[in-house]
Protein backbone atom coordinates (compact mmCIF):
# COMPACT_ATOMS: atom_id res chain seq x y z
CA MET A 1 39.00 5.43 17.30
CA ILE A 2 38.42 8.08 14.30
CA GLN A 3 38.64 5.50 11.72
CA LYS A 4 35.94 3.18 13.83
CA THR A 5 33.46 6.52 14.38
CA ILE A 6 33.65 6.91 10.60
CA ILE A 7 32.84 3.37 9.43
CA MET A 8 30.33 3.11 11.97
CA LYS A 9 28.49 6.37 10.31
CA THR A 10 28.98 5.17 6.94
CA LYS A 11 27.42 1.75 7.99
CA THR A 12 24.25 3.81 9.39
CA ALA A 13 24.30 6.04 6.42
CA ILE A 14 24.04 3.01 4.07
CA MET A 15 21.41 1.25 6.03
CA LEU A 16 19.36 4.36 6.31
CA SER A 17 19.82 4.52 2.53
CA LEU A 18 18.49 0.78 2.07
CA PHE A 19 15.61 1.44 4.36
CA ALA A 20 14.30 4.60 2.45
CA PHE A 21 15.04 2.56 -0.89
CA SER A 22 12.79 -0.57 0.90
CA VAL A 23 10.13 1.91 1.57
CA GLY A 24 10.06 3.78 -1.46
CA PHE A 25 9.75 0.54 -3.28
CA ALA A 26 7.23 -1.18 -0.88
CA GLN A 27 5.00 2.08 -1.70
CA HIS A 28 5.34 1.09 -5.34
CA LYS A 29 4.70 -2.47 -4.94
CA ASN A 30 1.72 -1.97 -2.48
CA MET A 31 -0.01 0.42 -5.11
CA ALA A 32 -4.17 0.38 -4.54
CA LYS A 33 -5.72 -2.52 -5.91
CA GLU A 34 -8.66 -0.22 -6.78
CA ALA A 35 -9.07 2.35 -9.48
CA ARG A 36 -11.61 4.95 -10.14
CA ILE A 37 -11.96 5.73 -13.97
CA TYR A 38 -13.83 8.96 -15.09
CA THR A 39 -14.85 8.76 -18.65
CA THR A 40 -16.29 11.47 -20.89
CA ALA A 41 -17.04 10.28 -24.59
CA LYS A 42 -18.77 11.33 -27.79
CA ASN A 43 -21.49 9.15 -27.73
CA GLN A 44 -22.75 9.60 -23.62
CA THR A 45 -24.10 12.00 -22.15
CA GLU A 46 -22.48 11.76 -18.92
CA LYS A 47 -19.49 13.65 -18.54
CA PHE A 48 -16.54 12.64 -15.90
CA ALA A 49 -19.18 9.27 -15.76
CA LEU A 50 -17.35 7.00 -12.62
CA THR A 51 -16.55 3.74 -12.61
CA LYS A 52 -14.07 1.42 -10.65
CA ALA A 53 -11.91 -1.42 -11.42
CA ASN A 54 -8.98 -3.63 -9.66
CA PHE A 55 -5.75 -4.29 -10.80
CA GLN A 56 -4.53 -7.84 -11.60
CA ASN A 57 -1.60 -9.43 -12.12
CA PHE A 58 -0.14 -9.22 -15.62
CA PRO A 59 3.67 -9.88 -15.62
CA GLN A 60 4.17 -9.67 -19.58
CA PRO A 61 1.95 -8.27 -22.35
CA THR A 62 2.09 -9.28 -25.60
CA GLU A 63 1.98 -7.78 -29.12
CA ARG A 64 -1.95 -8.44 -29.21
CA ASP A 65 -2.51 -6.74 -25.84
CA ILE A 66 -3.25 -3.17 -26.47
CA CYS A 67 -1.53 -1.35 -23.35
CA VAL A 68 -0.93 1.91 -21.66
CA PHE A 69 2.34 1.71 -20.04
CA VAL A 70 3.07 3.61 -16.73
CA ASP A 71 6.50 3.68 -14.70
CA PRO A 72 6.53 5.71 -11.36
CA ASP A 73 10.28 5.31 -11.04
CA PHE A 74 10.59 7.77 -13.95
CA LYS A 75 9.66 11.21 -12.98
CA TYR A 76 10.33 14.45 -15.04
CA GLN A 77 8.94 18.13 -15.06
CA LYS A 78 6.74 19.58 -12.11
CA ILE A 79 3.26 21.01 -13.13
CA THR A 80 3.25 24.13 -11.47
CA GLY A 81 -0.07 25.67 -13.53
CA ILE A 82 -3.00 25.03 -15.67
CA GLY A 83 -5.65 27.76 -16.69
CA GLY A 84 -6.80 30.13 -19.17
CA ALA A 85 -6.85 34.11 -20.01
CA ILE A 86 -9.16 36.39 -18.52
CA THR A 87 -9.35 39.14 -21.69
CA ASP A 88 -11.47 42.21 -22.06
CA ALA A 89 -13.57 39.91 -24.19
CA SER A 90 -14.21 37.21 -21.69
CA ALA A 91 -14.84 40.06 -18.42
CA GLU A 92 -16.98 42.11 -20.60
CA THR A 93 -19.66 39.10 -21.62
CA PHE A 94 -18.84 37.76 -17.99
CA TYR A 95 -20.50 41.11 -16.57
CA LYS A 96 -23.29 41.08 -19.34
CA LEU A 97 -24.70 38.00 -17.35
CA PRO A 98 -26.86 37.70 -14.50
CA LYS A 99 -24.93 37.21 -10.90
CA ASP A 100 -25.97 33.35 -10.59
CA LYS A 101 -24.41 32.77 -14.33
CA GLN A 102 -21.34 34.77 -13.28
CA GLN A 103 -20.79 32.63 -9.98
CA GLU A 104 -21.41 29.29 -11.89
CA ILE A 105 -18.34 30.53 -14.25
CA ILE A 106 -16.04 31.36 -11.59
CA ASN A 107 -17.02 28.10 -9.87
CA ALA A 108 -16.39 25.98 -13.39
CA TYR A 109 -13.13 27.38 -13.63
CA PHE A 110 -11.27 28.00 -10.44
CA GLY A 111 -13.72 26.32 -8.12
CA GLU A 112 -12.37 22.68 -6.24
CA ASN A 113 -15.30 20.89 -7.96
CA GLY A 114 -14.42 22.69 -11.76
CA LEU A 115 -11.74 22.55 -13.44
CA ASN A 116 -9.39 23.87 -10.70
CA TYR A 117 -7.56 26.53 -12.36
CA ASN A 118 -4.87 28.33 -10.73
CA LEU A 119 -3.20 30.31 -13.69
CA VAL A 120 -4.49 33.27 -14.93
CA ARG A 121 -3.18 35.18 -18.31
CA THR A 122 -4.04 38.76 -19.19
CA ASN A 123 -3.41 41.53 -22.05
CA MET A 124 -1.60 44.78 -21.30
CA ASN A 125 -3.02 47.40 -23.72
CA SER A 126 -5.45 46.22 -25.98
CA CYS A 127 -5.63 43.07 -28.14
CA ASP A 128 -8.08 41.64 -30.91
CA PHE A 129 -10.03 40.42 -28.12
CA SER A 130 -10.77 44.03 -26.51
CA SER A 131 -14.03 46.17 -27.98
CA ASP A 132 -11.27 48.54 -29.27
CA SER A 133 -7.73 49.60 -29.22
CA TYR A 134 -6.39 51.31 -26.36
CA THR A 135 -3.27 52.17 -24.09
CA TYR A 136 -2.62 53.25 -20.86
CA VAL A 137 -1.32 56.59 -21.59
CA GLN A 138 -1.34 59.74 -23.88
CA GLU A 139 0.11 60.38 -26.91
CA ASN A 140 3.81 61.05 -26.77
CA ASP A 141 3.92 60.79 -23.38
CA LYS A 142 7.43 59.19 -23.03
CA GLU A 143 8.04 59.53 -19.06
CA LEU A 144 4.93 57.66 -18.78
CA LYS A 145 3.48 60.66 -16.16
CA THR A 146 0.02 59.81 -17.66
CA PHE A 147 -0.08 56.24 -17.03
CA ASN A 148 -3.48 54.95 -15.75
CA ILE A 149 -4.98 51.64 -15.76
CA GLN A 150 -8.52 53.03 -15.22
CA HIS A 151 -9.96 51.08 -18.39
CA ASP A 152 -9.29 47.60 -16.90
CA GLU A 153 -11.10 48.56 -13.45
CA LYS A 154 -14.59 48.38 -15.06
CA TYR A 155 -14.49 44.66 -16.24
CA LYS A 156 -11.07 42.60 -16.26
CA ILE A 157 -9.60 43.49 -12.70
CA PRO A 158 -12.86 42.55 -10.87
CA MET A 159 -13.17 39.32 -12.67
CA ILE A 160 -9.16 38.37 -12.37
CA LYS A 161 -9.62 39.28 -8.52
CA TRP A 162 -12.68 36.99 -8.13
CA ALA A 163 -10.99 34.22 -9.77
CA GLN A 164 -7.95 35.29 -7.23
CA LYS A 165 -10.06 34.96 -4.36
CA THR A 166 -11.41 31.44 -5.39
CA ILE A 167 -8.17 29.73 -6.16
CA GLY A 168 -6.39 31.10 -2.97
CA LYS A 169 -2.47 30.65 -2.18
CA ASP A 170 -1.79 29.10 -5.54
CA PHE A 171 -2.93 31.99 -7.87
CA LYS A 172 -0.74 32.69 -10.78
CA PHE A 173 -0.86 35.76 -12.83
CA TYR A 174 0.69 36.93 -15.48
CA PHE A 175 0.35 38.97 -18.54
CA SER A 176 1.45 39.84 -22.20
CA PRO A 177 1.53 43.20 -24.63
CA TRP A 178 -0.02 42.85 -27.87
CA SER A 179 1.58 46.42 -28.89
CA PRO A 180 3.61 49.15 -27.97
CA PRO A 181 1.39 52.65 -27.68
CA ALA A 182 1.30 53.55 -31.95
CA TRP A 183 3.39 56.35 -31.13
CA MET A 184 6.24 54.28 -29.80
CA LYS A 185 6.25 52.33 -33.24
CA ASP A 186 7.83 52.68 -36.89
CA ASN A 187 4.26 52.26 -38.24
CA ASN A 188 2.64 54.65 -35.92
CA ASP A 189 -0.30 52.12 -35.65
CA MET A 190 -0.91 50.05 -32.85
CA LEU A 191 -2.24 47.35 -35.63
CA HIS A 192 -0.42 45.64 -38.72
CA GLY A 193 2.93 44.89 -37.17
CA GLY A 194 5.42 47.36 -36.86
CA LYS A 195 8.30 47.43 -34.85
CA LEU A 196 8.70 49.30 -31.54
CA LYS A 197 11.47 52.26 -32.30
CA LYS A 198 14.70 51.99 -30.30
CA GLU A 199 14.64 55.25 -29.03
CA TYR A 200 11.58 54.18 -26.82
CA TYR A 201 13.15 50.67 -25.83
CA GLN A 202 13.36 52.19 -22.11
CA SER A 203 10.26 53.88 -22.14
CA TRP A 204 8.50 50.53 -22.88
CA ALA A 205 10.57 48.56 -20.28
CA ASN A 206 9.31 51.36 -17.71
CA TYR A 207 5.93 50.63 -19.18
CA TYR A 208 5.70 47.00 -17.50
CA VAL A 209 6.80 47.95 -14.50
CA LYS A 210 4.07 50.64 -14.19
CA PHE A 211 1.55 48.10 -15.03
CA ILE A 212 3.06 45.59 -12.33
CA LYS A 213 2.66 48.44 -9.79
CA GLU A 214 -0.56 49.41 -10.63
CA TYR A 215 -2.30 45.80 -10.53
CA GLU A 216 0.06 44.71 -7.61
CA LYS A 217 -1.45 48.11 -5.50
CA ARG A 218 -5.03 46.67 -6.09
CA GLY A 219 -3.82 43.53 -4.75
CA MET A 220 -3.16 41.06 -7.43
CA PRO A 221 0.54 39.74 -7.30
CA VAL A 222 1.81 39.58 -10.63
CA TRP A 223 4.08 36.05 -10.96
CA GLY A 224 5.24 36.85 -14.50
CA LEU A 225 4.98 38.48 -18.30
CA SER A 226 6.10 37.53 -21.62
CA VAL A 227 8.14 40.00 -23.59
CA GLN A 228 5.89 40.07 -26.47
CA ASN A 229 2.67 38.02 -27.99
CA GLU A 230 3.53 36.13 -31.26
CA PRO A 231 6.67 38.69 -32.05
CA MET A 232 6.81 36.93 -35.75
CA ALA A 233 2.57 38.05 -36.70
CA THR A 234 1.96 41.00 -38.58
CA GLN A 235 -1.96 40.84 -37.62
CA ILE A 236 -4.97 43.24 -38.54
CA TRP A 237 -4.93 43.27 -34.94
CA GLU A 238 -2.60 44.62 -32.23
CA SER A 239 1.05 43.44 -33.43
CA CYS A 240 4.41 44.22 -32.68
CA ILE A 241 7.20 42.16 -34.73
CA TYR A 242 10.83 41.66 -33.19
CA THR A 243 13.60 39.34 -34.70
CA ALA A 244 15.27 36.88 -32.04
CA GLU A 245 17.98 39.07 -31.65
CA GLU A 246 15.81 42.31 -31.25
CA GLU A 247 14.19 40.21 -28.42
CA ALA A 248 17.09 39.41 -27.10
CA GLU A 249 18.52 43.33 -27.23
CA PHE A 250 15.24 44.70 -25.27
CA LEU A 251 15.10 42.06 -22.69
CA GLY A 252 18.68 41.98 -22.39
CA LYS A 253 19.64 45.65 -22.19
CA ASN A 254 16.12 47.27 -21.19
CA LEU A 255 13.14 45.12 -19.60
CA GLY A 256 15.21 42.65 -17.49
CA PRO A 257 17.24 45.32 -15.99
CA THR A 258 14.40 47.72 -15.48
CA LEU A 259 12.22 44.52 -13.62
CA TRP A 260 15.21 44.01 -11.69
CA LYS A 261 16.35 47.69 -10.67
CA ASN A 262 12.80 47.90 -9.41
CA GLY A 263 12.77 45.12 -6.98
CA TYR A 264 10.92 42.72 -9.57
CA LYS A 265 13.70 40.00 -9.82
CA ASP A 266 11.33 37.28 -8.83
CA LYS A 267 8.68 38.01 -11.97
CA LYS A 268 9.08 35.25 -14.37
CA VAL A 269 10.41 36.26 -18.17
CA ILE A 270 8.73 34.07 -20.83
CA ILE A 271 10.36 34.78 -23.99
CA TRP A 272 8.78 33.76 -27.56
CA ASP A 273 5.37 33.52 -26.80
CA HIS A 274 4.47 32.23 -30.35
CA ASN A 275 4.27 28.90 -32.48
CA ARG A 276 5.79 25.65 -32.11
CA ASP A 277 7.51 25.81 -35.69
CA LEU A 278 10.05 28.61 -34.62
CA ILE A 279 10.49 27.66 -30.98
CA TYR A 280 13.93 25.87 -31.17
CA GLN A 281 15.35 28.78 -33.42
CA ARG A 282 13.90 31.57 -31.32
CA ALA A 283 15.15 30.02 -28.12
CA THR A 284 18.71 29.31 -29.63
CA THR A 285 19.22 32.36 -30.79
CA THR A 286 17.57 34.71 -28.09
CA LEU A 287 19.06 32.78 -25.29
CA ALA A 288 22.94 32.73 -26.91
CA ASP A 289 22.58 36.58 -25.71
CA GLN A 290 23.97 36.12 -22.32
CA LEU A 291 22.13 39.17 -21.06
CA ALA A 292 18.82 37.73 -22.31
CA ASN A 293 19.72 34.56 -21.11
CA LYS A 294 20.14 35.82 -17.58
CA TYR A 295 16.88 37.54 -17.45
CA ALA A 296 14.65 35.17 -19.04
CA ASN A 297 12.96 32.11 -17.16
CA GLY A 298 10.97 30.61 -19.44
CA ILE A 299 10.18 30.17 -23.14
CA GLY A 300 6.36 30.10 -24.16
CA PHE A 301 4.55 28.92 -27.07
CA HIS A 302 1.08 28.73 -29.28
CA TRP A 303 -0.48 26.11 -31.04
CA TYR A 304 -1.45 27.99 -34.36
CA GLU A 305 1.24 26.43 -36.65
CA THR A 306 -1.15 26.71 -39.77
CA TRP A 307 0.40 24.66 -42.40
CA THR A 308 0.76 21.66 -39.97
CA LYS A 309 -2.73 21.40 -38.07
CA SER A 310 -2.72 17.67 -38.91
CA GLN A 311 0.72 17.07 -37.39
CA PRO A 312 1.48 19.62 -34.69
CA MET A 313 5.50 20.17 -33.83
CA PHE A 314 5.98 18.54 -30.65
CA ASN A 315 8.96 17.49 -31.26
CA ASN A 316 10.35 21.07 -31.55
CA VAL A 317 8.86 21.81 -27.84
CA GLU A 318 10.74 18.62 -27.25
CA GLU A 319 14.14 19.62 -28.44
CA THR A 320 13.92 22.65 -27.13
CA ARG A 321 13.21 21.57 -23.74
CA ARG A 322 16.14 19.20 -23.91
CA ALA A 323 18.25 22.42 -24.98
CA PHE A 324 17.29 24.30 -22.09
CA PRO A 325 16.58 22.35 -19.10
CA ASP A 326 17.31 25.43 -16.83
CA LYS A 327 14.08 27.27 -18.56
CA PHE A 328 10.26 26.43 -18.00
CA LEU A 329 8.28 25.83 -21.03
CA ILE A 330 4.86 27.03 -20.76
CA PHE A 331 1.86 26.57 -23.31
CA THR A 332 0.41 30.34 -23.37
CA GLU A 333 -2.28 30.31 -25.93
CA GLY A 334 -5.00 28.33 -27.90
CA CYS A 335 -8.11 28.23 -29.27
CA VAL A 336 -10.23 26.83 -32.24
CA GLU A 337 -10.74 29.77 -34.96
CA LYS A 338 -13.50 30.97 -37.36
CA PHE A 339 -16.11 30.39 -34.71
CA ASN A 340 -19.91 29.41 -35.85
CA PHE A 341 -22.43 29.11 -33.24
CA LYS A 342 -23.90 25.81 -34.80
CA GLU A 343 -20.78 24.04 -33.88
CA ILE A 344 -20.65 24.75 -30.41
CA TYR A 345 -21.15 21.31 -29.51
CA ASP A 346 -18.62 19.94 -32.38
CA TRP A 347 -16.64 16.95 -30.41
CA ARG A 348 -13.48 18.12 -32.62
CA LEU A 349 -13.45 20.74 -30.51
CA GLY A 350 -12.49 18.87 -27.29
CA GLU A 351 -10.20 16.36 -29.30
CA LEU A 352 -7.82 18.74 -30.63
CA TYR A 353 -7.20 20.10 -26.99
CA GLY A 354 -6.82 16.68 -26.00
CA LYS A 355 -4.22 15.91 -28.43
CA ASN A 356 -2.37 19.15 -28.10
CA MET A 357 -2.26 19.10 -23.88
CA ILE A 358 -1.03 15.32 -23.87
CA ASN A 359 1.68 15.52 -26.46
CA ASP A 360 2.30 18.85 -25.01
CA PHE A 361 2.83 17.79 -21.38
CA ASN A 362 5.08 14.66 -22.68
CA SER A 363 7.27 17.17 -24.45
CA GLY A 364 8.27 18.55 -21.09
CA ILE A 365 5.91 21.95 -20.50
CA SER A 366 5.36 22.55 -16.80
CA MET A 367 2.12 25.10 -17.26
CA TRP A 368 -0.60 25.34 -19.78
CA THR A 369 -3.07 28.20 -20.57
CA ASP A 370 -6.02 28.11 -22.38
CA TRP A 371 -6.92 31.57 -24.36
CA ASN A 372 -10.35 33.23 -23.92
CA ILE A 373 -12.05 31.46 -20.74
CA LEU A 374 -15.52 32.90 -21.89
CA LEU A 375 -16.85 34.11 -25.29
CA ASP A 376 -20.27 35.59 -26.45
CA GLU A 377 -23.02 34.00 -28.84
CA ALA A 378 -20.83 35.45 -31.67
CA GLY A 379 -17.35 34.33 -30.75
CA GLY A 380 -16.28 37.71 -29.58
CA PRO A 381 -16.61 40.56 -28.55
CA ASN A 382 -13.51 41.22 -30.71
CA HIS A 383 -13.03 44.65 -32.57
CA VAL A 384 -11.36 43.16 -35.97
CA GLY A 385 -13.77 40.43 -36.50
CA ASN A 386 -11.46 37.74 -35.18
CA PHE A 387 -14.09 35.44 -33.78
CA CYS A 388 -13.17 32.05 -31.66
CA PHE A 389 -14.70 29.23 -29.85
CA ALA A 390 -13.74 29.12 -25.82
CA PRO A 391 -14.66 26.28 -23.58
CA ILE A 392 -17.61 27.95 -22.23
CA ILE A 393 -19.91 30.07 -24.80
CA ALA A 394 -22.51 32.58 -23.24
CA ASP A 395 -25.27 33.62 -25.10
CA THR A 396 -25.92 37.27 -23.68
CA ARG A 397 -29.27 37.43 -25.11
CA THR A 398 -30.54 34.46 -23.03
CA GLY A 399 -28.38 34.33 -20.30
CA GLU A 400 -27.68 30.55 -20.87
CA LEU A 401 -24.26 29.32 -20.55
CA HIS A 402 -23.00 26.56 -23.38
CA TYR A 403 -20.11 23.94 -22.30
CA THR A 404 -18.31 23.01 -24.89
CA SER A 405 -16.25 19.64 -25.26
CA GLU A 406 -12.92 21.68 -24.99
CA TYR A 407 -14.02 21.95 -21.35
CA TYR A 408 -14.34 18.42 -20.39
CA TYR A 409 -11.14 17.37 -22.26
CA ILE A 410 -9.24 19.93 -20.38
CA GLY A 411 -10.76 19.16 -16.89
CA HIS A 412 -9.67 15.24 -17.70
CA ILE A 413 -6.08 16.70 -16.75
CA SER A 414 -6.94 20.13 -14.75
CA LYS A 415 -9.42 18.68 -12.35
CA PHE A 416 -6.93 15.65 -11.25
CA VAL A 417 -3.73 16.67 -11.59
CA LYS A 418 -2.64 19.23 -8.44
CA ASN A 419 -0.07 21.70 -8.25
CA ASN A 420 3.54 20.62 -8.18
CA ALA A 421 2.62 17.56 -9.53
CA ARG A 422 5.16 15.42 -11.56
CA ARG A 423 5.01 13.83 -14.64
CA MET A 424 5.63 10.18 -14.93
CA GLY A 425 7.05 7.83 -17.62
CA THR A 426 4.44 6.87 -19.89
CA THR A 427 3.87 5.31 -23.40
CA THR A 428 1.15 3.46 -25.44
CA ASN A 429 1.71 0.42 -28.03
CA ARG A 430 -1.25 1.92 -30.39
CA ASP A 431 -1.31 5.09 -32.29
CA HIS A 432 -5.02 5.84 -31.87
CA ILE A 433 -4.33 5.67 -28.10
CA ILE A 434 -2.26 8.39 -26.55
CA SER A 435 -1.76 9.09 -22.88
CA THR A 436 -0.14 10.92 -20.25
CA SER A 437 0.33 10.60 -16.64
CA PHE A 438 1.19 12.15 -13.16
CA ILE A 439 1.96 11.76 -9.46
CA ASN A 440 0.42 14.19 -7.42
CA GLU A 441 2.51 15.15 -4.15
CA ASN A 442 0.12 12.94 -1.86
CA GLY A 443 1.12 9.93 -4.13
CA GLU A 444 -1.85 9.86 -5.98
CA MET A 445 -1.42 8.76 -9.64
CA VAL A 446 -3.57 10.53 -12.67
CA VAL A 447 -3.23 8.56 -15.93
CA VAL A 448 -5.18 10.07 -18.95
CA VAL A 449 -5.92 8.38 -21.74
CA MET A 450 -7.52 9.20 -24.93
CA ASN A 451 -9.07 7.20 -27.52
CA THR A 452 -8.77 9.12 -30.87
CA SER A 453 -10.75 6.49 -33.03
CA SER A 454 -14.37 6.06 -33.88
CA GLU A 455 -14.16 2.49 -32.27
CA GLU A 456 -14.38 1.15 -29.00
CA SER A 457 -11.19 0.05 -27.68
CA LYS A 458 -10.11 -2.23 -24.39
CA TYR A 459 -6.64 -1.35 -23.01
CA ASN A 460 -4.73 -2.69 -20.39
CA LEU A 461 -3.16 0.22 -17.97
CA TRP A 462 0.13 -1.71 -17.22
CA ILE A 463 2.26 -0.71 -14.16
CA GLU A 464 5.17 -2.90 -12.41
CA GLY A 465 3.48 -6.28 -13.42
CA LYS A 466 -0.28 -5.24 -12.85
CA SER A 467 -2.85 -4.56 -15.20
CA LEU A 468 -6.04 -2.66 -14.92
CA GLN A 469 -8.49 -3.57 -17.81
CA VAL A 470 -10.30 -0.62 -19.24
CA VAL A 471 -12.96 -0.19 -21.97
CA SER A 472 -12.55 3.07 -24.04
CA PRO A 473 -15.33 4.21 -26.01
CA ALA A 474 -15.04 5.64 -29.19
CA ASN A 475 -13.59 9.25 -29.34
CA SER A 476 -13.50 9.54 -25.46
CA ILE A 477 -10.97 10.85 -22.94
CA GLN A 478 -10.40 8.88 -19.64
CA THR A 479 -8.64 9.71 -16.12
CA VAL A 480 -7.82 6.95 -14.03
CA VAL A 481 -6.75 7.59 -10.32
CA PHE A 482 -5.28 5.40 -7.75
């Protein structure tokens, strides 16, 4: 009798599994016939121009056919955040503008009809994109009794809270330090590199906790933090150097235990937070330390590998993802440097973003963060003259907002890829066509296709024996939704 019951249960389980598989299979095969195609191109005025097309049977492409191949049966990392940084520079510029322009910027980035950002990064202590150097404590206050974030309450905090209110429940907020106070460092200077003195390791760890408490006291839950912004860069602005072993020691013995001891075990700790060139070496070295590995949740990186601009090191990101499948990968910063107001409508700005975003998502990142969301007509303010581009440039002299091509290229992913989407398998058969694809929780598929050439190209978006024929204008990016 027992044996018969077991057999019956087994048969039932098998039937249920087959039913579930057939339903899932049918869902793929009953794919929507019509697709929406949004196009932004260098030689077209309208952005996100909408057209529609139908899928047709197309069982076997040939070598002559230009194709983007998508396979929803292969799903990879979950996408949990896309956004940008609200720095001192962004916030100061923001509050120099009329109220209606402020609202426009908030809607443009965080609204449902804007870029749909849900991820916000900010700086702890000053960075280059601050009007001056500052900390939250007085000189030699090892006990941090004078800790006070009054500086941030004037511009940064109000703007972050406005963004938070617009984003709603999916709001993710993290911070990065550029430098400890000068008196904690061996060069007695917040600028020009230098190292954190070991006698201040614990005071500096306590500093992060103080920062979290003060921000959360004001209603802004902190999702995470990076250990140090660009720990291998000696800059003319705020900077601090850690070797991989030193970062592991500080995280494993001081920062990690201090966070957990204060009830912040849930905060996501990001190591590295520098360029792709050394990401694999840093991750393998830092995470070889068992204590550091215990407290680290993710690995962050930037795109400023100086001598490899034409060939960014995306393979290093992919190799790091394979090595550490239990750690998330996050792009924490990128921008176009050497600002020139005459170049704010240069199409190359957006193309740089498109190439990097598509390749980094295909390499395994689950989160992506732009640098300053807003800068002024000089590419600042920046207290050391390191002026850069941003997706929106505000002319504070006139109140006019300038949307660069960066804004639109970012939007071709961020507007359509929803929180908790999964990346799908995607390839192309031509090097001038690059692509990535995602499936949202509601089953909606999003395919992003970029034509990097200066000529129009016709391609087939091929999926499970069906094809959508699409015309891709020269120097364009498209998002196909179905």
